[in-house]
C-alpha atoms as a PDB file:
ATOM      1  CA  MET A   1       4.289  27.036  30.379  1.00  0.00           C
ATOM      2  CA  SER A   2       4.633  23.405  32.486  1.00  0.00           C
ATOM      3  CA  THR A   3       6.842  20.832  30.969  1.00  0.00           C
ATOM      4  CA  LYS A   4       4.919  17.765  32.755  1.00  0.00           C
ATOM      5  CA  PRO A   5       4.246  14.727  30.279  1.00  0.00           C
ATOM      6  CA  ASN A   6       0.701  14.697  29.179  1.00  0.00           C
ATOM      7  CA  ALA A   7      -0.730  11.372  30.387  1.00  0.00           C
ATOM      8  CA  GLY A   8      -3.499  12.273  27.740  1.00  0.00           C
ATOM      9  CA  ILE A   9      -1.875  12.184  24.611  1.00  0.00           C
ATOM     10  CA  ILE A  10       0.441   9.586  25.659  1.00  0.00           C
ATOM     11  CA  TRP A  11      -2.333   7.297  26.393  1.00  0.00           C
ATOM     12  CA  ALA A  12      -4.245   8.274  22.723  1.00  0.00           C
ATOM     13  CA  ASN A  13      -0.622   7.412  21.336  1.00  0.00           C
ATOM     14  CA  ASN A  14      -0.422   4.363  22.631  1.00  0.00           C
ATOM     15  CA  ILE A  15      -3.818   2.908  21.309  1.00  0.00           C
ATOM     16  CA  LYS A  16      -3.102   4.180  18.014  1.00  0.00           C
ATOM     17  CA  THR A  17       0.219   1.859  17.831  1.00  0.00           C
ATOM     18  CA  VAL A  18      -1.932  -0.668  18.654  1.00  0.00           C
ATOM     19  CA  ILE A  19      -4.105  -0.045  16.109  1.00  0.00           C
ATOM     20  CA  LEU A  20      -1.316   0.384  13.472  1.00  0.00           C
ATOM     21  CA  LEU A  21      -0.063  -2.446  14.223  1.00  0.00           C
ATOM     22  CA  GLY A  22      -3.151  -4.440  14.180  1.00  0.00           C
ATOM     23  CA  GLY A  23      -4.499  -2.827  10.668  1.00  0.00           C
ATOM     24  CA  MET A  24      -1.095  -3.953   9.377  1.00  0.00           C
ATOM     25  CA  MET A  25      -1.433  -7.794  10.168  1.00  0.00           C
ATOM     26  CA  GLY A  26      -5.461  -7.230   9.419  1.00  0.00           C
ATOM     27  CA  LEU A  27      -4.010  -5.833   5.849  1.00  0.00           C
ATOM     28  CA  PHE A  28      -1.546  -8.579   5.270  1.00  0.00           C
ATOM     29  CA  VAL A  29      -4.332 -11.286   6.160  1.00  0.00           C
ATOM     30  CA  ALA A  30      -6.753  -9.802   3.891  1.00  0.00           C
ATOM     31  CA  VAL A  31      -4.600  -9.962   0.929  1.00  0.00           C
ATOM     32  CA  GLY A  32      -2.729 -13.057   1.333  1.00  0.00           C
ATOM     33  CA  SER A  33      -6.652 -14.559   1.788  1.00  0.00           C
ATOM     34  CA  MET A  34      -7.111 -13.782  -1.908  1.00  0.00           C
ATOM     35  CA  TRP A  35      -4.638 -16.796  -2.418  1.00  0.00           C
ATOM     36  CA  GLY A  36      -6.264 -19.168  -0.135  1.00  0.00           C
ATOM     37  CA  THR A  37      -5.508 -20.985   3.287  1.00  0.00           C
ATOM     38  CA  GLY A  38      -1.611 -20.930   1.694  1.00  0.00           C
ATOM     39  CA  GLY A  39      -1.575 -17.295   1.162  1.00  0.00           C
ATOM     40  CA  MET A  40      -3.094 -16.413   4.400  1.00  0.00           C
ATOM     41  CA  ILE A  41      -0.351 -18.215   6.071  1.00  0.00           C
ATOM     42  CA  MET A  42       2.458 -16.688   4.557  1.00  0.00           C
ATOM     43  CA  ALA A  43       0.578 -13.400   4.873  1.00  0.00           C
ATOM     44  CA  LEU A  44       0.581 -14.299   8.858  1.00  0.00           C
ATOM     45  CA  ALA A  45       4.109 -15.177   9.154  1.00  0.00           C
ATOM     46  CA  LEU A  46       5.342 -12.019   6.805  1.00  0.00           C
ATOM     47  CA  GLY A  47       2.561  -9.705   9.014  1.00  0.00           C
ATOM     48  CA  GLY A  48       4.137 -10.463  12.034  1.00  0.00           C
ATOM     49  CA  ALA A  49       7.567  -9.929  11.442  1.00  0.00           C
ATOM     50  CA  MET A  50       6.677  -6.818   9.839  1.00  0.00           C
ATOM     51  CA  ASN A  51       5.187  -5.879  13.182  1.00  0.00           C
ATOM     52  CA  VAL A  52       8.348  -6.877  14.933  1.00  0.00           C
ATOM     53  CA  VAL A  53      10.475  -5.162  12.528  1.00  0.00           C
ATOM     54  CA  ALA A  54       7.918  -1.673  12.827  1.00  0.00           C
ATOM     55  CA  TRP A  55       7.881  -2.572  16.821  1.00  0.00           C
ATOM     56  CA  PHE A  56      12.194  -2.779  16.992  1.00  0.00           C
ATOM     57  CA  PHE A  57      13.850  -1.427  14.154  1.00  0.00           C
ATOM     58  CA  SER A  58      11.502   1.453  12.322  1.00  0.00           C
ATOM     59  CA  ASP A  59      13.517   4.713  14.451  1.00  0.00           C
ATOM     60  CA  LYS A  60      17.094   2.261  13.278  1.00  0.00           C
ATOM     61  CA  ILE A  61      15.366   2.551   9.505  1.00  0.00           C
ATOM     62  CA  ALA A  62      15.009   5.840   9.732  1.00  0.00           C
ATOM     63  CA  ILE A  63      18.329   7.033  10.455  1.00  0.00           C
ATOM     64  CA  LYS A  64      19.593   4.857   8.491  1.00  0.00           C
ATOM     65  CA  ALA A  65      17.546   5.970   5.351  1.00  0.00           C
ATOM     66  CA  MET A  66      18.941  10.058   6.067  1.00  0.00           C
ATOM     67  CA  ARG A  67      22.265   8.513   6.273  1.00  0.00           C
ATOM     68  CA  ALA A  68      22.593   9.938   9.505  1.00  0.00           C
ATOM     69  CA  GLN A  69      25.910   9.610  11.607  1.00  0.00           C
ATOM     70  CA  PRO A  70      26.172   9.544  15.527  1.00  0.00           C
ATOM     71  CA  VAL A  71      27.371  13.450  17.241  1.00  0.00           C
ATOM     72  CA  HIS A  72      30.316  12.852  19.494  1.00  0.00           C
ATOM     73  CA  PRO A  73      29.059  13.713  23.245  1.00  0.00           C
ATOM     74  CA  ASP A  74      31.534  17.123  22.931  1.00  0.00           C
ATOM     75  CA  HIS A  75      29.902  18.702  20.197  1.00  0.00           C
ATOM     76  CA  GLU A  76      27.876  21.279  21.060  1.00  0.00           C
ATOM     77  CA  ILE A  77      25.340  20.729  19.736  1.00  0.00           C
ATOM     78  CA  TYR A  78      24.624  17.394  21.810  1.00  0.00           C
ATOM     79  CA  LYS A  79      25.187  19.349  24.577  1.00  0.00           C
ATOM     80  CA  MET A  80      22.429  21.773  24.008  1.00  0.00           C
ATOM     81  CA  VAL A  81      19.759  18.641  23.217  1.00  0.00           C
ATOM     82  CA  GLU A  82      21.045  16.916  26.442  1.00  0.00           C
ATOM     83  CA  GLU A  83      20.432  20.363  28.794  1.00  0.00           C
ATOM     84  CA  LEU A  84      16.635  20.597  27.262  1.00  0.00           C
ATOM     85  CA  ALA A  85      16.049  16.804  27.955  1.00  0.00           C
ATOM     86  CA  TYR A  86      17.328  17.253  31.405  1.00  0.00           C
ATOM     87  CA  ILE A  87      14.607  20.179  31.480  1.00  0.00           C
ATOM     88  CA  ALA A  88      12.453  18.052  29.686  1.00  0.00           C
ATOM     89  CA  GLY A  89      12.406  15.151  32.147  1.00  0.00           C
ATOM     90  CA  ILE A  90      13.714  12.461  29.974  1.00  0.00           C
ATOM     91  CA  PRO A  91      16.798  10.537  28.861  1.00  0.00           C
ATOM     92  CA  THR A  92      19.321  12.115  26.759  1.00  0.00           C
ATOM     93  CA  PRO A  93      18.381  10.518  23.341  1.00  0.00           C
ATOM     94  CA  LYS A  94      21.146   9.855  20.739  1.00  0.00           C
ATOM     95  CA  VAL A  95      22.231  12.778  18.214  1.00  0.00           C
ATOM     96  CA  TYR A  96      23.204  12.374  14.637  1.00  0.00           C
ATOM     97  CA  LEU A  97      23.699  14.687  12.071  1.00  0.00           C
ATOM     98  CA  ALA A  98      22.403  14.327   8.627  1.00  0.00           C
ATOM     99  CA  PRO A  99      24.266  15.111   4.870  1.00  0.00           C
ATOM    100  CA  HIS A 100      21.683  17.281   3.754  1.00  0.00           C
ATOM    101  CA  GLU A 101      21.575  20.521   2.483  1.00  0.00           C
ATOM    102  CA  ALA A 102      17.289  20.760   2.943  1.00  0.00           C
ATOM    103  CA  PRO A 103      17.148  21.959   6.549  1.00  0.00           C
ATOM    104  CA  ASN A 104      15.291  20.029   8.917  1.00  0.00           C
ATOM    105  CA  ALA A 105      15.173  18.071  11.951  1.00  0.00           C
ATOM    106  CA  PHE A 106      13.525  14.841  13.310  1.00  0.00           C
ATOM    107  CA  ALA A 107      12.975  12.718  16.312  1.00  0.00           C
ATOM    108  CA  THR A 108      12.371   9.107  16.277  1.00  0.00           C
ATOM    109  CA  GLY A 109      12.626   6.011  18.805  1.00  0.00           C
ATOM    110  CA  ARG A 110      10.193   3.584  20.257  1.00  0.00           C
ATOM    111  CA  SER A 111      10.587   5.075  23.417  1.00  0.00           C
ATOM    112  CA  PRO A 112      12.642   8.105  25.769  1.00  0.00           C
ATOM    113  CA  LYS A 113      15.194   5.877  26.670  1.00  0.00           C
ATOM    114  CA  LYS A 114      15.201   4.683  22.948  1.00  0.00           C
ATOM    115  CA  ALA A 115      14.923   7.631  21.130  1.00  0.00           C
ATOM    116  CA  ALA A 116      17.393   9.913  18.985  1.00  0.00           C
ATOM    117  CA  VAL A 117      17.318  13.677  17.533  1.00  0.00           C
ATOM    118  CA  CYS A 118      18.475  14.170  14.036  1.00  0.00           C
ATOM    119  CA  PHE A 119      19.204  17.160  12.128  1.00  0.00           C
ATOM    120  CA  THR A 120      20.627  17.850   8.893  1.00  0.00           C
ATOM    121  CA  HIS A 121      23.382  20.100   7.696  1.00  0.00           C
ATOM    122  CA  GLY A 122      21.338  22.496   5.995  1.00  0.00           C
ATOM    123  CA  ALA A 123      19.693  22.990   9.271  1.00  0.00           C
ATOM    124  CA  VAL A 124      22.945  23.650  11.588  1.00  0.00           C
ATOM    125  CA  ARG A 125      24.325  26.023   8.738  1.00  0.00           C
ATOM    126  CA  LEU A 126      20.771  28.040   8.709  1.00  0.00           C
ATOM    127  CA  LEU A 127      19.673  28.347  12.191  1.00  0.00           C
ATOM    128  CA  SER A 128      20.952  30.835  15.072  1.00  0.00           C
ATOM    129  CA  PRO A 129      21.653  28.462  18.577  1.00  0.00           C
ATOM    130  CA  ASP A 130      18.079  29.958  19.592  1.00  0.00           C
ATOM    131  CA  GLU A 131      16.344  28.393  16.597  1.00  0.00           C
ATOM    132  CA  LEU A 132      18.413  25.500  16.534  1.00  0.00           C
ATOM    133  CA  ARG A 133      17.640  24.994  20.530  1.00  0.00           C
ATOM    134  CA  GLY A 134      13.410  25.703  20.023  1.00  0.00           C
ATOM    135  CA  VAL A 135      13.633  23.129  17.003  1.00  0.00           C
ATOM    136  CA  ALA A 136      15.499  20.784  19.842  1.00  0.00           C
ATOM    137  CA  ALA A 137      12.766  21.192  22.337  1.00  0.00           C
ATOM    138  CA  HIS A 138      10.205  20.301  19.954  1.00  0.00           C
ATOM    139  CA  GLU A 139      11.799  16.925  18.455  1.00  0.00           C
ATOM    140  CA  LEU A 140      12.064  16.470  22.493  1.00  0.00           C
ATOM    141  CA  ALA A 141       8.076  17.710  23.061  1.00  0.00           C
ATOM    142  CA  HIS A 142       7.576  14.400  20.293  1.00  0.00           C
ATOM    143  CA  VAL A 143       9.957  11.618  22.665  1.00  0.00           C
ATOM    144  CA  LYS A 144       8.362  13.069  25.688  1.00  0.00           C
ATOM    145  CA  ASN A 145       4.997  12.580  24.330  1.00  0.00           C
ATOM    146  CA  ARG A 146       5.490   9.156  22.564  1.00  0.00           C
ATOM    147  CA  ASP A 147       4.493  10.816  19.043  1.00  0.00           C
ATOM    148  CA  THR A 148       7.559   8.984  18.100  1.00  0.00           C
ATOM    149  CA  LEU A 149       6.799   5.601  18.129  1.00  0.00           C
ATOM    150  CA  THR A 150       3.815   6.273  16.576  1.00  0.00           C
ATOM    151  CA  SER A 151       5.081   8.144  13.703  1.00  0.00           C
ATOM    152  CA  CYS A 152       7.698   5.646  12.948  1.00  0.00           C
ATOM    153  CA  ILE A 153       5.643   2.427  12.606  1.00  0.00           C
ATOM    154  CA  ALA A 154       3.155   4.533  10.580  1.00  0.00           C
ATOM    155  CA  ALA A 155       5.853   5.365   8.365  1.00  0.00           C
ATOM    156  CA  THR A 156       7.243   2.074   8.118  1.00  0.00           C
ATOM    157  CA  ILE A 157       3.426   0.964   7.273  1.00  0.00           C
ATOM    158  CA  ALA A 158       2.956   3.384   4.750  1.00  0.00           C
ATOM    159  CA  GLY A 159       5.917   2.253   3.265  1.00  0.00           C
ATOM    160  CA  VAL A 160       5.010  -1.526   3.286  1.00  0.00           C
ATOM    161  CA  LEU A 161       1.188  -0.187   1.867  1.00  0.00           C
ATOM    162  CA  ALA A 162       3.831   1.794  -0.782  1.00  0.00           C
ATOM    163  CA  PHE A 163       5.408  -1.472  -1.988  1.00  0.00           C
ATOM    164  CA  LEU A 164       1.771  -3.458  -1.762  1.00  0.00           C
ATOM    165  CA  ALA A 165       0.299  -0.567  -4.143  1.00  0.00           C
ATOM    166  CA  GLN A 166       3.172  -0.819  -6.765  1.00  0.00           C
ATOM    167  CA  TRP A 167       3.741  -4.748  -6.773  1.00  0.00           C
ATOM    168  CA  GLY A 168      -0.454  -5.297  -7.494  1.00  0.00           C
ATOM    169  CA  PHE A 169       0.235  -2.278  -9.982  1.00  0.00           C
ATOM    170  CA  TRP A 170       2.960  -4.185 -12.058  1.00  0.00           C
ATOM    171  CA  MET A 171       1.016  -7.492 -12.077  1.00  0.00           C
ATOM    172  CA  THR A 172      -1.944  -6.441 -13.312  1.00  0.00           C
ATOM    173  CA  ARG A 173      -0.060  -5.488 -15.933  1.00  0.00           C
ATOM    174  CA  GLY A 174       1.441  -9.145 -16.283  1.00  0.00           C
ATOM    175  CA  SER A 175       0.601 -11.606 -18.720  1.00  0.00           C
ATOM    176  CA  SER A 176       0.194 -15.116 -16.724  1.00  0.00           C
ATOM    177  CA  ARG A 177      -2.684 -16.494 -16.970  1.00  0.00           C
ATOM    178  CA  ASP A 178      -2.635 -17.687 -13.313  1.00  0.00           C
ATOM    179  CA  THR A 179      -3.411 -13.642 -12.852  1.00  0.00           C
ATOM    180  CA  ASN A 180      -6.337 -12.062 -11.762  1.00  0.00           C
ATOM    181  CA  PRO A 181      -6.547  -8.749 -12.812  1.00  0.00           C
ATOM    182  CA  LEU A 182      -8.941  -7.817 -10.899  1.00  0.00           C
ATOM    183  CA  VAL A 183      -7.612  -9.478  -7.734  1.00  0.00           C
ATOM    184  CA  MET A 184      -4.544  -7.224  -8.626  1.00  0.00           C
ATOM    185  CA  ILE A 185      -6.566  -4.172  -8.618  1.00  0.00           C
ATOM    186  CA  VAL A 186      -8.729  -4.553  -5.465  1.00  0.00           C
ATOM    187  CA  VAL A 187      -4.780  -5.192  -3.951  1.00  0.00           C
ATOM    188  CA  VAL A 188      -3.597  -1.464  -5.100  1.00  0.00           C
ATOM    189  CA  ILE A 189      -6.667   0.143  -3.922  1.00  0.00           C
ATOM    190  CA  VAL A 190      -7.274  -1.200  -0.912  1.00  0.00           C
ATOM    191  CA  ALA A 191      -3.284  -0.693  -0.326  1.00  0.00           C
ATOM    192  CA  ALA A 192      -3.929   3.101  -1.918  1.00  0.00           C
ATOM    193  CA  VAL A 193      -7.186   3.511   0.898  1.00  0.00           C
ATOM    194  CA  GLY A 194      -5.033   2.302   3.603  1.00  0.00           C
ATOM    195  CA  ALA A 195      -2.294   4.272   3.110  1.00  0.00           C
ATOM    196  CA  ALA A 196      -4.888   7.059   3.204  1.00  0.00           C
ATOM    197  CA  LEU A 197      -6.152   5.627   6.671  1.00  0.00           C
ATOM    198  CA  ILE A 198      -2.301   5.703   7.916  1.00  0.00           C
ATOM    199  CA  LYS A 199      -2.149   9.613   6.743  1.00  0.00           C
ATOM    200  CA  ALA A 200      -5.766  10.209   8.798  1.00  0.00           C
ATOM    201  CA  MET A 201      -4.756   8.836  11.914  1.00  0.00           C
ATOM    202  CA  ILE A 202      -1.340  10.641  12.312  1.00  0.00           C
ATOM    203  CA  SER A 203      -3.013  13.499  13.624  1.00  0.00           C
ATOM    204  CA  ARG A 204      -1.789  17.092  12.676  1.00  0.00           C
ATOM    205  CA  SER A 205      -3.025  18.047  15.991  1.00  0.00           C
ATOM    206  CA  ARG A 206       0.731  16.760  17.274  1.00  0.00           C
ATOM    207  CA  GLU A 207       2.752  19.471  15.758  1.00  0.00           C
ATOM    208  CA  PHE A 208       0.613  21.674  17.705  1.00  0.00           C
ATOM    209  CA  VAL A 209       1.316  20.081  20.883  1.00  0.00           C
ATOM    210  CA  ALA A 210       4.861  19.458  20.058  1.00  0.00           C
ATOM    211  CA  ASP A 211       5.598  23.039  19.599  1.00  0.00           C
ATOM    212  CA  ALA A 212       3.753  24.274  22.579  1.00  0.00           C
ATOM    213  CA  ASP A 213       5.588  21.984  24.727  1.00  0.00           C
ATOM    214  CA  GLY A 214       8.845  22.558  22.998  1.00  0.00           C
ATOM    215  CA  ALA A 215       8.790  25.653  23.531  1.00  0.00           C
ATOM    216  CA  ALA A 216       8.171  25.329  27.198  1.00  0.00           C
ATOM    217  CA  ILE A 217      11.177  23.559  27.194  1.00  0.00           C
ATOM    218  CA  ALA A 218      12.954  25.814  25.686  1.00  0.00           C
ATOM    219  CA  GLY A 219      11.744  28.795  28.051  1.00  0.00           C
ATOM    220  CA  THR A 220      10.612  30.686  25.300  1.00  0.00           C
ATOM    221  CA  PRO A 221       8.487  30.071  21.970  1.00  0.00           C
ATOM    222  CA  ASP A 222      10.447  32.969  20.095  1.00  0.00           C
ATOM    223  CA  GLY A 223      13.641  30.794  18.851  1.00  0.00           C
ATOM    224  CA  LEU A 224      11.110  28.415  17.313  1.00  0.00           C
ATOM    225  CA  ILE A 225       8.651  30.663  15.739  1.00  0.00           C
ATOM    226  CA  ASN A 226      11.725  31.904  14.098  1.00  0.00           C
ATOM    227  CA  ALA A 227      13.317  28.623  13.041  1.00  0.00           C
ATOM    228  CA  LEU A 228       9.887  27.470  11.618  1.00  0.00           C
ATOM    229  CA  LEU A 229       9.812  30.740   9.252  1.00  0.00           C
ATOM    230  CA  LYS A 230      13.091  29.788   8.044  1.00  0.00           C
ATOM    231  CA  LEU A 231      12.233  26.403   7.286  1.00  0.00           C
ATOM    232  CA  ASP A 232       9.430  26.181   6.068  1.00  0.00           C
ATOM    233  CA  ALA A 233      10.794  28.522   3.379  1.00  0.00           C
ATOM    234  CA  TYR A 234      13.719  26.495   2.447  1.00  0.00           C
ATOM    235  CA  SER A 235      12.481  23.541   2.284  1.00  0.00           C
ATOM    236  CA  LYS A 236      10.344  24.741  -0.410  1.00  0.00           C
ATOM    237  CA  ARG A 237      13.658  25.654  -2.038  1.00  0.00           C
ATOM    238  CA  ILE A 238      15.203  23.042  -0.883  1.00  0.00           C
ATOM    239  CA  PRO A 239      13.718  19.410  -1.296  1.00  0.00           C
ATOM    240  CA  LEU A 240      14.758  16.955   0.879  1.00  0.00           C
ATOM    241  CA  MET A 241      16.538  13.908  -1.173  1.00  0.00           C
ATOM    242  CA  GLN A 242      15.468  10.839   0.562  1.00  0.00           C
ATOM    243  CA  PRO A 243      14.575   7.919  -0.101  1.00  0.00           C
ATOM    244  CA  ASN A 244      11.551   7.113   1.560  1.00  0.00           C
ATOM    245  CA  PRO A 245       8.565  10.022   1.247  1.00  0.00           C
ATOM    246  CA  ALA A 246       6.662   8.030   3.708  1.00  0.00           C
ATOM    247  CA  GLN A 247       8.587   9.401   6.492  1.00  0.00           C
ATOM    248  CA  ASN A 248       7.667  12.637   5.576  1.00  0.00           C
ATOM    249  CA  ASN A 249       5.551  13.077   8.896  1.00  0.00           C
ATOM    250  CA  LEU A 250       8.471  12.331  11.131  1.00  0.00           C
ATOM    251  CA  PHE A 251      10.314  15.789  10.303  1.00  0.00           C
ATOM    252  CA  ILE A 252       9.560  19.677  11.986  1.00  0.00           C
ATOM    253  CA  VAL A 253       8.381  20.871   8.209  1.00  0.00           C
ATOM    254  CA  GLU A 254       7.198  18.683   5.495  1.00  0.00           C
ATOM    255  CA  PRO A 255       9.591  17.851   3.003  1.00  0.00           C
ATOM    256  CA  LEU A 256       8.221  18.659  -0.174  1.00  0.00           C
ATOM    257  CA  ALA A 257       8.869  16.725  -3.918  1.00  0.00           C
ATOM    258  CA  SER A 258      10.188  19.323  -6.250  1.00  0.00           C
ATOM    259  CA  ASN A 259       7.137  17.956  -8.565  1.00  0.00           C
ATOM    260  CA  LEU A 260       4.700  18.520  -6.133  1.00  0.00           C
ATOM    261  CA  ARG A 261       5.040  22.463  -5.955  1.00  0.00           C
ATOM    262  CA  GLY A 262       3.240  23.425  -8.480  1.00  0.00           C
ATOM    263  CA  GLY A 263      -0.040  21.672  -6.834  1.00  0.00           C
ATOM    264  CA  SER A 264      -0.685  23.330  -3.572  1.00  0.00           C
ATOM    265  CA  ALA A 265      -4.095  21.560  -3.522  1.00  0.00           C
ATOM    266  CA  LEU A 266      -2.366  18.078  -4.093  1.00  0.00           C
ATOM    267  CA  VAL A 267       0.229  18.912  -1.351  1.00  0.00           C
ATOM    268  CA  ASN A 268      -2.451  19.808   1.313  1.00  0.00           C
ATOM    269  CA  MET A 269      -4.503  17.265   0.551  1.00  0.00           C
ATOM    270  CA  PHE A 270      -1.986  14.724   1.612  1.00  0.00           C
ATOM    271  CA  SER A 271       0.363  16.790   4.570  1.00  0.00           C
ATOM    272  CA  THR A 272       1.197  15.403   7.362  1.00  0.00           C
ATOM    273  CA  HIS A 273       1.424  18.688   8.623  1.00  0.00           C
ATOM    274  CA  PRO A 274      -0.866  21.509   9.600  1.00  0.00           C
ATOM    275  CA  PRO A 275       0.207  25.110   7.690  1.00  0.00           C
ATOM    276  CA  THR A 276       3.202  26.958   9.324  1.00  0.00           C
ATOM    277  CA  GLU A 277       1.429  29.937   9.628  1.00  0.00           C
ATOM    278  CA  LYS A 278      -1.393  28.494  11.669  1.00  0.00           C
ATOM    279  CA  ARG A 279       1.487  26.930  14.158  1.00  0.00           C
ATOM    280  CA  ILE A 280       3.520  30.147  14.217  1.00  0.00           C
ATOM    281  CA  ALA A 281      -0.020  31.983  14.726  1.00  0.00           C
ATOM    282  CA  ALA A 282      -0.510  29.362  17.931  1.00  0.00           C
ATOM    283  CA  LEU A 283       2.549  29.957  19.006  1.00  0.00           C
ATOM    284  CA  ARG A 284       2.718  33.714  19.629  1.00  0.00           C
ATOM    285  CA  SER A 285      -0.911  33.155  20.750  1.00  0.00           C
ATOM    286  CA  ALA A 286       0.689  31.478  23.585  1.00  0.00           C
ATOM    287  CA  ARG A 287       3.404  34.174  25.063  1.00  0.00           C
END
């Protein structure tokens, strides 16, 4: 297995990032145009501000949403990440621990130099050192392949779309004479469709690539295989209590909300990750 960067994946992720940022600006302008020239000017300003936030602060938003705290360089987890980052050929990212019982992990940051890796307390308690090493290597593969910027911006945009849809919904319920219910319904539909397109652009294949590259970084797929088995099982028992479900695509296994567990078809339709059993089968076949 090679740990060289995949230039094709990095190029594709850069293109996705540009499309995501441009798409968000276009959506804001389209919605603003419903209120004439003044609305378009306001939308341009707001869309530009959101692009700046998504580019520079999406990683900080993700870390803050998880209430994560930085890990001291003397901590054994930091040293493990530092060793794996050296093998991967990237700078050591910042390392965080989040006070959540649900076992999970994610990486964030607009570039390898600005990256961060976060583990929940539940993951640290559940996983063995080899399994935790496999998870860390998977997250570092995302950093190496520039998946993190695309994922963070997608999460930020999905959050904005959710806000637009919610705002439009409540506006349709308002009694103001100046409110056009048809326009508001259009806002809701556009936001919902936009969110679905964002989901589609964040390809599930990136998880297979990160699994394979992570196994190469760790030196073996065994730790990651065992970790995925545990994380998948426990995540279905212990839902991750986080305020922004739009960030689900960031995690190594998708956090499932307790109110969706009864409808597997609905969960699969909106899933940001491929089935765990397929990921494990791919890792086993690469041995």
